């Protein structure tokens, strides 16, 4: 099956559905705006996935799933430099450090997480290579695509709605003059408090996302929640270049600024 094209014409969910229905084996290479992802399939099921240049050796995957500590991951790498993931996995199982279930679940969770991160990729190109299978030495999995396809469809609809509500991340935020809800009575999540800390007409949403280490979908979700709560509103940036420093919020009322800042700091410290 020769399959190549642009993500503007085919979404990730549509590609997964096509591969699932055709029971195809091979690797889907997706070139996004800043990263390249590879998803490998075997008879229409997810077999492996990796994205960009992030560490995806077995030690890194086990650390990410909290099966081992960062120090244990470092020691494993030092002692198994010339070994493949399969060999490392067998070594850990035979030594009694981890079970086969621990290792397979960790690899499965990593592969699924990679696919989930691709659901909001709307720019880039793709190419399906039927001759490219799971990389040598990697531990293959076997995951049905149906649930991922359903999840991706829901996330795509959410993404489209958030894009309508927040058309550009180069817009800024400011506190409403009369918020619909008193901030002292708000039950915000940790992510929402982190974003609130940077609300300032001089900070673009993109800058806030970078400062809080959130991706496009995560920052849009948080901003949308704050908009719905009546706490903030969208405004044009206050003249600071897009590459400028991200600054905490400011208000023209100094007393209001001090009061609000103190409440925010106390709330963040209590989390």
C-alpha atoms as a PDB file:
ATOM      1  CA  UNK A   1       0.000   0.000   0.000  1.00  0.00           C
ATOM      2  CA  UNK A   2       1.687   3.191  -1.189  1.00  0.00           C
ATOM      3  CA  UNK A   3       0.547   5.945   1.134  1.00  0.00           C
ATOM      4  CA  UNK A   4       2.024   9.421   1.282  1.00  0.00           C
ATOM      5  CA  UNK A   5       0.562  12.878   1.565  1.00  0.00           C
ATOM      6  CA  UNK A   6      -0.048  15.927   3.737  1.00  0.00           C
ATOM      7  CA  UNK A   7      -1.599  16.105   7.203  1.00  0.00           C
ATOM      8  CA  UNK A   8      -3.869  18.866   5.929  1.00  0.00           C
ATOM      9  CA  UNK A   9      -5.612  16.234   3.807  1.00  0.00           C
ATOM     10  CA  UNK A  10      -5.460  13.248   6.172  1.00  0.00           C
ATOM     11  CA  UNK A  11      -5.544  13.456   9.964  1.00  0.00           C
ATOM     12  CA  UNK A  12      -3.549  11.062  12.138  1.00  0.00           C
ATOM     13  CA  UNK A  13      -6.819   9.392  13.158  1.00  0.00           C
ATOM     14  CA  UNK A  14      -7.806   8.804   9.538  1.00  0.00           C
ATOM     15  CA  UNK A  15      -4.406   7.268   8.797  1.00  0.00           C
ATOM     16  CA  UNK A  16      -4.687   4.937  11.793  1.00  0.00           C
ATOM     17  CA  UNK A  17      -8.167   3.905  10.705  1.00  0.00           C
ATOM     18  CA  UNK A  18      -6.984   3.147   7.178  1.00  0.00           C
ATOM     19  CA  UNK A  19      -4.078   1.021   8.416  1.00  0.00           C
ATOM     20  CA  UNK A  20      -6.339  -0.743  10.906  1.00  0.00           C
ATOM     21  CA  UNK A  21      -8.977  -1.629   8.310  1.00  0.00           C
ATOM     22  CA  UNK A  22      -6.379  -2.812   5.792  1.00  0.00           C
ATOM     23  CA  UNK A  23      -4.478  -4.862   8.435  1.00  0.00           C
ATOM     24  CA  UNK A  24      -1.221  -3.441   7.096  1.00  0.00           C
ATOM     25  CA  UNK A  25       2.318  -3.953   8.357  1.00  0.00           C
ATOM     26  CA  UNK A  26       5.005  -1.316   7.993  1.00  0.00           C
ATOM     27  CA  UNK A  27       6.078   2.040   9.380  1.00  0.00           C
ATOM     28  CA  UNK A  28       4.292   5.370   9.087  1.00  0.00           C
ATOM     29  CA  UNK A  29       6.846   8.203   9.074  1.00  0.00           C
ATOM     30  CA  UNK A  30       5.331  11.579   9.970  1.00  0.00           C
ATOM     31  CA  UNK A  31       7.347  14.775   9.516  1.00  0.00           C
ATOM     32  CA  UNK A  32       5.844  17.536  11.626  1.00  0.00           C
ATOM     33  CA  UNK A  33       6.870  21.169  11.841  1.00  0.00           C
ATOM     34  CA  UNK A  34       9.687  20.474  14.298  1.00  0.00           C
ATOM     35  CA  UNK A  35       9.876  16.713  14.883  1.00  0.00           C
ATOM     36  CA  UNK A  36       9.704  13.408  13.051  1.00  0.00           C
ATOM     37  CA  UNK A  37       7.693  10.480  14.405  1.00  0.00           C
ATOM     38  CA  UNK A  38       7.687   6.844  13.356  1.00  0.00           C
ATOM     39  CA  UNK A  39       4.822   4.456  14.093  1.00  0.00           C
ATOM     40  CA  UNK A  40       5.310   0.797  13.248  1.00  0.00           C
ATOM     41  CA  UNK A  41       2.391  -1.585  12.680  1.00  0.00           C
ATOM     42  CA  UNK A  42       2.051  -5.335  12.349  1.00  0.00           C
ATOM     43  CA  UNK A  43      -1.120  -6.648  10.714  1.00  0.00           C
ATOM     44  CA  UNK A  44      -2.993  -3.462  11.543  1.00  0.00           C
ATOM     45  CA  UNK A  45      -1.921  -3.301  15.189  1.00  0.00           C
ATOM     46  CA  UNK A  46       0.469  -0.865  16.859  1.00  0.00           C
ATOM     47  CA  UNK A  47       3.869  -2.525  17.230  1.00  0.00           C
ATOM     48  CA  UNK A  48       6.210   0.346  18.132  1.00  0.00           C
ATOM     49  CA  UNK A  49       6.427   4.144  18.118  1.00  0.00           C
ATOM     50  CA  UNK A  50       9.070   6.785  18.622  1.00  0.00           C
ATOM     51  CA  UNK A  51       9.185  10.533  18.247  1.00  0.00           C
ATOM     52  CA  UNK A  52      11.943  13.036  17.587  1.00  0.00           C
ATOM     53  CA  UNK A  53      15.310  12.544  19.226  1.00  0.00           C
ATOM     54  CA  UNK A  54      13.993  11.907  22.731  1.00  0.00           C
ATOM     55  CA  UNK A  55      15.553   9.040  24.643  1.00  0.00           C
ATOM     56  CA  UNK A  56      13.587   5.878  23.916  1.00  0.00           C
ATOM     57  CA  UNK A  57      15.912   3.142  25.082  1.00  0.00           C
ATOM     58  CA  UNK A  58      14.417   0.637  27.516  1.00  0.00           C
ATOM     59  CA  UNK A  59      16.020   2.309  30.537  1.00  0.00           C
ATOM     60  CA  UNK A  60      14.422   5.645  29.613  1.00  0.00           C
ATOM     61  CA  UNK A  61      11.036   3.994  29.046  1.00  0.00           C
ATOM     62  CA  UNK A  62      11.186   2.168  32.390  1.00  0.00           C
ATOM     63  CA  UNK A  63      12.179   5.379  34.153  1.00  0.00           C
ATOM     64  CA  UNK A  64       9.318   7.250  32.489  1.00  0.00           C
ATOM     65  CA  UNK A  65       6.865   4.625  33.754  1.00  0.00           C
ATOM     66  CA  UNK A  66       8.468   4.830  37.224  1.00  0.00           C
ATOM     67  CA  UNK A  67       9.514   1.191  37.227  1.00  0.00           C
ATOM     68  CA  UNK A  68      13.074   2.304  37.979  1.00  0.00           C
ATOM     69  CA  UNK A  69      14.670   5.454  39.391  1.00  0.00           C
ATOM     70  CA  UNK A  70      16.823   7.910  37.409  1.00  0.00           C
ATOM     71  CA  UNK A  71      19.920   6.558  39.162  1.00  0.00           C
ATOM     72  CA  UNK A  72      18.970   2.970  38.298  1.00  0.00           C
ATOM     73  CA  UNK A  73      18.436   4.000  34.673  1.00  0.00           C
ATOM     74  CA  UNK A  74      21.910   5.542  34.602  1.00  0.00           C
ATOM     75  CA  UNK A  75      23.489   2.389  36.022  1.00  0.00           C
ATOM     76  CA  UNK A  76      21.634   0.164  33.531  1.00  0.00           C
ATOM     77  CA  UNK A  77      22.887   2.286  30.615  1.00  0.00           C
ATOM     78  CA  UNK A  78      26.464   2.167  31.869  1.00  0.00           C
ATOM     79  CA  UNK A  79      26.425  -1.624  32.211  1.00  0.00           C
ATOM     80  CA  UNK A  80      24.500  -2.469  29.037  1.00  0.00           C
ATOM     81  CA  UNK A  81      25.880  -0.013  26.480  1.00  0.00           C
ATOM     82  CA  UNK A  82      26.317  -2.622  23.756  1.00  0.00           C
ATOM     83  CA  UNK A  83      23.073  -4.489  24.462  1.00  0.00           C
ATOM     84  CA  UNK A  84      19.731  -4.120  22.676  1.00  0.00           C
ATOM     85  CA  UNK A  85      16.472  -3.384  24.493  1.00  0.00           C
ATOM     86  CA  UNK A  86      15.476  -7.041  24.122  1.00  0.00           C
ATOM     87  CA  UNK A  87      18.733  -8.172  25.733  1.00  0.00           C
ATOM     88  CA  UNK A  88      18.418  -5.613  28.533  1.00  0.00           C
ATOM     89  CA  UNK A  89      14.847  -6.702  29.187  1.00  0.00           C
ATOM     90  CA  UNK A  90      15.851 -10.372  29.441  1.00  0.00           C
ATOM     91  CA  UNK A  91      18.721  -9.440  31.737  1.00  0.00           C
ATOM     92  CA  UNK A  92      16.393  -7.530  34.114  1.00  0.00           C
ATOM     93  CA  UNK A  93      13.840 -10.355  34.101  1.00  0.00           C
ATOM     94  CA  UNK A  94      16.414 -13.100  34.720  1.00  0.00           C
ATOM     95  CA  UNK A  95      17.990 -11.044  37.521  1.00  0.00           C
ATOM     96  CA  UNK A  96      14.589 -10.731  39.179  1.00  0.00           C
ATOM     97  CA  UNK A  97      14.527  -6.915  39.067  1.00  0.00           C
ATOM     98  CA  UNK A  98      11.397  -6.678  36.902  1.00  0.00           C
ATOM     99  CA  UNK A  99       8.794  -8.998  35.440  1.00  0.00           C
ATOM    100  CA  UNK A 100       7.975  -9.478  31.787  1.00  0.00           C
ATOM    101  CA  UNK A 101       4.636  -7.782  32.495  1.00  0.00           C
ATOM    102  CA  UNK A 102       6.394  -4.702  33.931  1.00  0.00           C
ATOM    103  CA  UNK A 103       8.523  -4.325  30.820  1.00  0.00           C
ATOM    104  CA  UNK A 104       5.760  -4.944  28.272  1.00  0.00           C
ATOM    105  CA  UNK A 105       3.337  -2.566  30.006  1.00  0.00           C
ATOM    106  CA  UNK A 106       5.988   0.156  30.103  1.00  0.00           C
ATOM    107  CA  UNK A 107       6.745  -0.185  26.378  1.00  0.00           C
ATOM    108  CA  UNK A 108       3.020  -0.306  25.543  1.00  0.00           C
ATOM    109  CA  UNK A 109       2.322   2.857  27.560  1.00  0.00           C
ATOM    110  CA  UNK A 110       5.217   4.651  25.888  1.00  0.00           C
ATOM    111  CA  UNK A 111       4.059   3.733  22.369  1.00  0.00           C
ATOM    112  CA  UNK A 112       0.466   4.759  23.108  1.00  0.00           C
ATOM    113  CA  UNK A 113       1.686   8.065  24.579  1.00  0.00           C
ATOM    114  CA  UNK A 114       3.654   8.797  21.407  1.00  0.00           C
ATOM    115  CA  UNK A 115       0.572   8.211  19.244  1.00  0.00           C
ATOM    116  CA  UNK A 116      -1.540  10.415  21.515  1.00  0.00           C
ATOM    117  CA  UNK A 117       0.934  13.260  21.113  1.00  0.00           C
ATOM    118  CA  UNK A 118       0.465  13.071  17.349  1.00  0.00           C
ATOM    119  CA  UNK A 119      -3.305  13.615  17.412  1.00  0.00           C
ATOM    120  CA  UNK A 120      -2.943  17.400  17.262  1.00  0.00           C
ATOM    121  CA  UNK A 121      -0.348  17.427  14.478  1.00  0.00           C
ATOM    122  CA  UNK A 122      -2.106  19.222  11.643  1.00  0.00           C
ATOM    123  CA  UNK A 123       0.922  20.419   9.692  1.00  0.00           C
ATOM    124  CA  UNK A 124       3.446  18.174   7.966  1.00  0.00           C
ATOM    125  CA  UNK A 125       3.775  15.208   5.636  1.00  0.00           C
ATOM    126  CA  UNK A 126       3.560  11.436   5.994  1.00  0.00           C
ATOM    127  CA  UNK A 127       4.834   8.373   4.198  1.00  0.00           C
ATOM    128  CA  UNK A 128       3.974   4.718   4.822  1.00  0.00           C
ATOM    129  CA  UNK A 129       6.766   2.238   4.157  1.00  0.00           C
ATOM    130  CA  UNK A 130       5.548  -1.404   4.138  1.00  0.00           C
ATOM    131  CA  UNK A 131       9.115  -2.718   4.153  1.00  0.00           C
ATOM    132  CA  UNK A 132      10.162  -0.945   7.355  1.00  0.00           C
ATOM    133  CA  UNK A 133       9.284  -2.922  10.487  1.00  0.00           C
ATOM    134  CA  UNK A 134      10.122  -2.614  14.196  1.00  0.00           C
ATOM    135  CA  UNK A 135      13.700  -1.329  14.640  1.00  0.00           C
ATOM    136  CA  UNK A 136      16.247  -4.039  15.395  1.00  0.00           C
ATOM    137  CA  UNK A 137      16.614  -4.783  19.089  1.00  0.00           C
ATOM    138  CA  UNK A 138      13.465  -2.929  20.140  1.00  0.00           C
ATOM    139  CA  UNK A 139      10.711  -4.722  22.037  1.00  0.00           C
ATOM    140  CA  UNK A 140       7.581  -4.946  19.849  1.00  0.00           C
ATOM    141  CA  UNK A 141       4.079  -4.747  21.287  1.00  0.00           C
ATOM    142  CA  UNK A 142       0.683  -5.617  19.896  1.00  0.00           C
ATOM    143  CA  UNK A 143      -1.997  -3.003  20.590  1.00  0.00           C
ATOM    144  CA  UNK A 144      -5.418  -2.771  18.950  1.00  0.00           C
ATOM    145  CA  UNK A 145      -6.016   0.597  17.289  1.00  0.00           C
ATOM    146  CA  UNK A 146      -9.789   0.877  17.786  1.00  0.00           C
ATOM    147  CA  UNK A 147      -9.666   2.641  21.174  1.00  0.00           C
ATOM    148  CA  UNK A 148      -6.870   4.936  20.023  1.00  0.00           C
ATOM    149  CA  UNK A 149      -8.877   5.879  16.931  1.00  0.00           C
ATOM    150  CA  UNK A 150     -11.937   6.737  19.070  1.00  0.00           C
ATOM    151  CA  UNK A 151      -9.778   8.754  21.469  1.00  0.00           C
ATOM    152  CA  UNK A 152      -8.097  10.540  18.577  1.00  0.00           C
ATOM    153  CA  UNK A 153     -11.435  11.462  17.019  1.00  0.00           C
ATOM    154  CA  UNK A 154     -12.641  12.969  20.282  1.00  0.00           C
ATOM    155  CA  UNK A 155      -9.396  14.868  20.756  1.00  0.00           C
ATOM    156  CA  UNK A 156      -9.542  16.170  17.191  1.00  0.00           C
ATOM    157  CA  UNK A 157     -13.031  17.555  17.782  1.00  0.00           C
ATOM    158  CA  UNK A 158     -11.831  19.164  20.999  1.00  0.00           C
ATOM    159  CA  UNK A 159      -8.818  20.599  19.167  1.00  0.00           C
ATOM    160  CA  UNK A 160     -11.043  22.114  16.473  1.00  0.00           C
ATOM    161  CA  UNK A 161     -13.278  23.713  19.104  1.00  0.00           C
ATOM    162  CA  UNK A 162     -10.301  25.118  21.010  1.00  0.00           C
ATOM    163  CA  UNK A 163      -8.875  26.549  17.788  1.00  0.00           C
ATOM    164  CA  UNK A 164     -12.171  28.361  17.185  1.00  0.00           C
ATOM    165  CA  UNK A 165     -12.188  29.779  20.711  1.00  0.00           C
ATOM    166  CA  UNK A 166      -8.450  30.581  20.728  1.00  0.00           C
ATOM    167  CA  UNK A 167      -7.483  31.139  17.081  1.00  0.00           C
ATOM    168  CA  UNK A 168      -3.906  32.218  17.767  1.00  0.00           C
ATOM    169  CA  UNK A 169      -1.348  31.542  20.476  1.00  0.00           C
ATOM    170  CA  UNK A 170       0.193  34.902  19.635  1.00  0.00           C
ATOM    171  CA  UNK A 171      -2.657  36.633  21.464  1.00  0.00           C
ATOM    172  CA  UNK A 172      -2.173  37.734  25.073  1.00  0.00           C
ATOM    173  CA  UNK A 173      -4.299  37.496  28.224  1.00  0.00           C
ATOM    174  CA  UNK A 174      -5.370  40.007  30.806  1.00  0.00           C
ATOM    175  CA  UNK A 175      -7.511  39.737  33.895  1.00  0.00           C
ATOM    176  CA  UNK A 176     -11.061  40.957  33.398  1.00  0.00           C
ATOM    177  CA  UNK A 177     -11.896  44.156  35.223  1.00  0.00           C
ATOM    178  CA  UNK A 178     -14.788  42.440  36.956  1.00  0.00           C
ATOM    179  CA  UNK A 179     -14.151  38.705  36.951  1.00  0.00           C
ATOM    180  CA  UNK A 180     -17.292  36.631  37.067  1.00  0.00           C
ATOM    181  CA  UNK A 181     -15.864  34.663  39.985  1.00  0.00           C
ATOM    182  CA  UNK A 182     -13.817  35.893  42.913  1.00  0.00           C
ATOM    183  CA  UNK A 183     -10.347  34.391  42.594  1.00  0.00           C
ATOM    184  CA  UNK A 184     -10.334  33.470  46.273  1.00  0.00           C
ATOM    185  CA  UNK A 185     -13.256  31.136  45.638  1.00  0.00           C
ATOM    186  CA  UNK A 186     -11.825  29.505  42.521  1.00  0.00           C
ATOM    187  CA  UNK A 187     -10.839  25.859  42.647  1.00  0.00           C
ATOM    188  CA  UNK A 188      -8.169  25.884  39.949  1.00  0.00           C
ATOM    189  CA  UNK A 189      -5.907  23.018  38.979  1.00  0.00           C
ATOM    190  CA  UNK A 190      -2.141  23.229  39.377  1.00  0.00           C
ATOM    191  CA  UNK A 191      -1.773  23.832  35.617  1.00  0.00           C
ATOM    192  CA  UNK A 192      -4.302  26.683  35.759  1.00  0.00           C
ATOM    193  CA  UNK A 193      -2.489  28.362  38.649  1.00  0.00           C
ATOM    194  CA  UNK A 194       0.802  28.076  36.761  1.00  0.00           C
ATOM    195  CA  UNK A 195      -0.720  29.866  33.766  1.00  0.00           C
ATOM    196  CA  UNK A 196      -2.458  32.498  35.913  1.00  0.00           C
ATOM    197  CA  UNK A 197       0.943  33.424  37.315  1.00  0.00           C
ATOM    198  CA  UNK A 198       1.965  34.716  33.858  1.00  0.00           C
ATOM    199  CA  UNK A 199      -1.229  36.486  32.820  1.00  0.00           C
ATOM    200  CA  UNK A 200      -0.036  39.821  31.499  1.00  0.00           C
ATOM    201  CA  UNK A 201      -0.963  41.769  28.317  1.00  0.00           C
ATOM    202  CA  UNK A 202       2.733  41.737  27.439  1.00  0.00           C
ATOM    203  CA  UNK A 203       2.964  37.927  27.473  1.00  0.00           C
ATOM    204  CA  UNK A 204       1.628  35.964  24.535  1.00  0.00           C
ATOM    205  CA  UNK A 205      -0.069  32.628  25.147  1.00  0.00           C
ATOM    206  CA  UNK A 206       2.781  31.016  23.223  1.00  0.00           C
ATOM    207  CA  UNK A 207       5.306  32.513  25.637  1.00  0.00           C
ATOM    208  CA  UNK A 208       3.261  31.324  28.608  1.00  0.00           C
ATOM    209  CA  UNK A 209       3.137  27.815  27.101  1.00  0.00           C
ATOM    210  CA  UNK A 210       6.913  27.847  26.751  1.00  0.00           C
ATOM    211  CA  UNK A 211       7.415  29.108  30.321  1.00  0.00           C
ATOM    212  CA  UNK A 212       5.079  26.461  31.758  1.00  0.00           C
ATOM    213  CA  UNK A 213       6.328  23.698  29.406  1.00  0.00           C
ATOM    214  CA  UNK A 214       2.879  22.993  27.954  1.00  0.00           C
ATOM    215  CA  UNK A 215       2.127  21.878  24.404  1.00  0.00           C
ATOM    216  CA  UNK A 216      -0.417  23.627  22.171  1.00  0.00           C
ATOM    217  CA  UNK A 217      -3.333  21.462  23.274  1.00  0.00           C
ATOM    218  CA  UNK A 218      -2.550  21.743  26.998  1.00  0.00           C
ATOM    219  CA  UNK A 219      -2.216  25.547  26.960  1.00  0.00           C
ATOM    220  CA  UNK A 220      -5.425  25.953  24.939  1.00  0.00           C
ATOM    221  CA  UNK A 221      -7.298  23.761  27.405  1.00  0.00           C
ATOM    222  CA  UNK A 222      -6.133  25.825  30.361  1.00  0.00           C
ATOM    223  CA  UNK A 223      -6.758  29.188  28.686  1.00  0.00           C
ATOM    224  CA  UNK A 224     -10.220  28.067  27.582  1.00  0.00           C
ATOM    225  CA  UNK A 225     -11.058  27.077  31.170  1.00  0.00           C
ATOM    226  CA  UNK A 226      -9.904  30.476  32.454  1.00  0.00           C
ATOM    227  CA  UNK A 227     -11.950  32.232  29.759  1.00  0.00           C
ATOM    228  CA  UNK A 228     -15.037  30.212  30.682  1.00  0.00           C
ATOM    229  CA  UNK A 229     -14.523  31.100  34.352  1.00  0.00           C
ATOM    230  CA  UNK A 230     -14.606  34.788  33.430  1.00  0.00           C
ATOM    231  CA  UNK A 231     -11.182  35.313  34.960  1.00  0.00           C
ATOM    232  CA  UNK A 232      -9.303  36.423  31.828  1.00  0.00           C
ATOM    233  CA  UNK A 233      -9.953  37.732  28.331  1.00  0.00           C
ATOM    234  CA  UNK A 234      -8.017  37.658  25.072  1.00  0.00           C
ATOM    235  CA  UNK A 235      -6.211  40.840  24.018  1.00  0.00           C
ATOM    236  CA  UNK A 236      -3.592  41.850  21.493  1.00  0.00           C
ATOM    237  CA  UNK A 237       0.014  41.634  22.741  1.00  0.00           C
ATOM    238  CA  UNK A 238       1.253  44.756  24.472  1.00  0.00           C
ATOM    239  CA  UNK A 239       4.039  45.512  22.043  1.00  0.00           C
ATOM    240  CA  UNK A 240       6.691  43.150  23.424  1.00  0.00           C
ATOM    241  CA  UNK A 241       8.468  41.135  20.676  1.00  0.00           C
ATOM    242  CA  UNK A 242       7.356  37.494  20.512  1.00  0.00           C
ATOM    243  CA  UNK A 243      10.787  36.354  21.585  1.00  0.00           C
ATOM    244  CA  UNK A 244      10.828  38.640  24.604  1.00  0.00           C
ATOM    245  CA  UNK A 245      10.983  37.624  28.221  1.00  0.00           C
ATOM    246  CA  UNK A 246       7.855  36.274  29.866  1.00  0.00           C
ATOM    247  CA  UNK A 247       6.847  38.520  32.721  1.00  0.00           C
ATOM    248  CA  UNK A 248       4.407  38.025  35.577  1.00  0.00           C
ATOM    249  CA  UNK A 249       1.068  39.819  35.315  1.00  0.00           C
ATOM    250  CA  UNK A 250       0.647  43.498  36.043  1.00  0.00           C
ATOM    251  CA  UNK A 251      -2.394  45.605  36.734  1.00  0.00           C
ATOM    252  CA  UNK A 252      -2.712  49.359  36.784  1.00  0.00           C
ATOM    253  CA  UNK A 253      -4.088  49.171  40.327  1.00  0.00           C
ATOM    254  CA  UNK A 254      -1.048  48.592  42.586  1.00  0.00           C
ATOM    255  CA  UNK A 255      -3.129  47.544  45.582  1.00  0.00           C
ATOM    256  CA  UNK A 256      -5.046  45.050  43.468  1.00  0.00           C
ATOM    257  CA  UNK A 257      -1.770  43.744  42.018  1.00  0.00           C
ATOM    258  CA  UNK A 258      -0.207  43.124  45.437  1.00  0.00           C
ATOM    259  CA  UNK A 259      -3.348  41.508  46.808  1.00  0.00           C
ATOM    260  CA  UNK A 260      -3.850  39.230  43.826  1.00  0.00           C
ATOM    261  CA  UNK A 261      -0.183  38.266  43.614  1.00  0.00           C
ATOM    262  CA  UNK A 262      -0.068  37.348  47.308  1.00  0.00           C
ATOM    263  CA  UNK A 263      -3.157  35.172  46.968  1.00  0.00           C
ATOM    264  CA  UNK A 264      -1.688  33.427  43.946  1.00  0.00           C
ATOM    265  CA  UNK A 265       1.645  32.770  45.644  1.00  0.00           C
ATOM    266  CA  UNK A 266      -0.047  31.420  48.782  1.00  0.00           C
ATOM    267  CA  UNK A 267      -2.270  29.190  46.688  1.00  0.00           C
ATOM    268  CA  UNK A 268       0.655  27.820  44.660  1.00  0.00           C
ATOM    269  CA  UNK A 269       2.693  27.171  47.821  1.00  0.00           C
ATOM    270  CA  UNK A 270      -0.203  25.254  49.363  1.00  0.00           C
ATOM    271  CA  UNK A 271      -0.504  22.860  46.395  1.00  0.00           C
END
